[in-house]
């Protein structure tokens, strides 16, 4: 008998969660910037650490500023993007998992 009816054991029927022995690693991260006025932009980062470095080094220190800061766009050559940090109202980070089939 399960002591706590809301516990994970109760939900799983006393069975252990099955875990894949192959850990999935994202190939990149899509960062969705929701900007004041309803605009949305998507920027991709190779690693979560790369995003965190940009976020903590560029965006957060200037979060109340109306001056433009650069947003790294590495997957599109010849283009760049600048935003006003004070106009960013939300950020969503989405891991992207690509299989070997998707890459070809």
Protein backbone atom coordinates (compact mmCIF):
# COMPACT_ATOMS: atom_id res chain seq x y z
CA UNK A 1 0.00 0.00 0.00
CA UNK A 2 1.21 3.50 -0.80
CA UNK A 3 1.44 5.87 2.16
CA UNK A 4 0.97 9.07 0.15
CA UNK A 5 -1.75 8.86 -2.55
CA UNK A 6 -0.28 11.87 -4.43
CA UNK A 7 3.23 10.48 -4.46
CA UNK A 8 5.07 9.42 -7.57
CA UNK A 9 4.77 5.75 -6.52
CA UNK A 10 0.99 6.06 -6.41
CA UNK A 11 0.85 7.74 -9.79
CA UNK A 12 3.15 5.18 -11.37
CA UNK A 13 1.32 2.27 -9.72
CA UNK A 14 4.38 1.35 -7.69
CA UNK A 15 6.48 0.84 -10.83
CA UNK A 16 9.76 2.60 -11.42
CA UNK A 17 9.89 5.20 -14.15
CA UNK A 18 11.45 3.77 -17.26
CA UNK A 19 14.36 5.86 -18.50
CA UNK A 20 16.04 5.66 -21.80
CA UNK A 21 19.63 4.55 -21.59
CA UNK A 22 20.42 6.99 -24.40
CA UNK A 23 20.44 10.55 -23.11
CA UNK A 24 19.18 13.07 -25.63
CA UNK A 25 21.28 16.16 -26.02
CA UNK A 26 19.92 19.24 -27.79
CA UNK A 27 21.77 20.20 -30.96
CA UNK A 28 20.92 23.85 -30.37
CA UNK A 29 18.59 26.14 -28.44
CA UNK A 30 15.94 28.39 -29.97
CA UNK A 31 15.50 31.54 -27.91
CA UNK A 32 12.19 33.29 -28.52
CA UNK A 33 12.25 36.98 -27.62
CA UNK A 34 8.82 38.51 -27.00
CA UNK A 35 9.15 42.23 -27.54
CA UNK A 36 6.84 45.04 -26.51
CA UNK A 37 4.23 45.74 -29.16
CA UNK A 38 3.66 42.07 -29.98
CA UNK A 39 6.82 41.43 -32.01
CA UNK A 40 8.56 38.06 -31.70
CA UNK A 41 12.05 37.11 -32.78
CA UNK A 42 13.82 33.77 -32.69
CA UNK A 43 17.56 33.49 -32.24
CA UNK A 44 19.48 30.23 -32.06
CA UNK A 45 22.39 29.41 -29.76
CA UNK A 46 24.64 26.35 -30.04
CA UNK A 47 24.70 25.70 -26.29
CA UNK A 48 22.73 26.78 -23.25
CA UNK A 49 25.96 28.21 -21.82
CA UNK A 50 26.33 30.45 -24.89
CA UNK A 51 22.81 31.81 -24.30
CA UNK A 52 23.44 32.26 -20.57
CA UNK A 53 26.66 34.19 -21.30
CA UNK A 54 24.80 36.58 -23.64
CA UNK A 55 21.83 36.87 -21.27
CA UNK A 56 23.84 37.58 -18.12
CA UNK A 57 26.58 39.61 -19.85
CA UNK A 58 24.54 41.76 -22.26
CA UNK A 59 20.82 41.71 -21.56
CA UNK A 60 20.53 41.69 -17.76
CA UNK A 61 23.06 44.46 -17.00
CA UNK A 62 21.26 46.78 -19.44
CA UNK A 63 17.71 45.55 -18.79
CA UNK A 64 16.29 49.01 -18.12
CA UNK A 65 18.24 50.71 -20.92
CA UNK A 66 16.67 52.16 -24.06
CA UNK A 67 19.99 51.94 -25.93
CA UNK A 68 20.40 49.20 -28.50
CA UNK A 69 22.37 46.02 -27.76
CA UNK A 70 23.44 43.41 -30.29
CA UNK A 71 21.76 40.04 -30.46
CA UNK A 72 24.03 37.34 -31.86
CA UNK A 73 22.70 35.77 -35.06
CA UNK A 74 25.18 33.08 -35.99
CA UNK A 75 23.13 31.04 -38.41
CA UNK A 76 22.50 33.87 -40.90
CA UNK A 77 25.54 35.47 -42.53
CA UNK A 78 25.47 39.17 -43.27
CA UNK A 79 22.58 39.90 -40.90
CA UNK A 80 22.54 41.28 -37.43
CA UNK A 81 19.88 42.32 -34.96
CA UNK A 82 19.78 44.95 -32.26
CA UNK A 83 17.12 45.36 -29.59
CA UNK A 84 16.32 47.73 -26.77
CA UNK A 85 16.66 45.61 -23.59
CA UNK A 86 13.90 47.55 -21.82
CA UNK A 87 11.42 46.41 -24.51
CA UNK A 88 11.94 42.66 -24.03
CA UNK A 89 8.95 41.44 -22.03
CA UNK A 90 9.51 37.66 -22.11
CA UNK A 91 12.04 35.05 -23.20
CA UNK A 92 11.36 31.39 -23.95
CA UNK A 93 14.24 28.95 -24.38
CA UNK A 94 13.44 25.82 -26.38
CA UNK A 95 15.89 22.93 -26.77
CA UNK A 96 16.02 21.65 -30.35
CA UNK A 97 16.69 17.95 -30.86
CA UNK A 98 17.74 16.99 -34.37
CA UNK A 99 18.14 13.39 -35.41
CA UNK A 100 20.71 12.33 -37.96
CA UNK A 101 17.88 12.16 -40.52
CA UNK A 102 17.02 15.85 -39.97
CA UNK A 103 20.58 16.97 -40.71
CA UNK A 104 20.68 15.65 -44.28
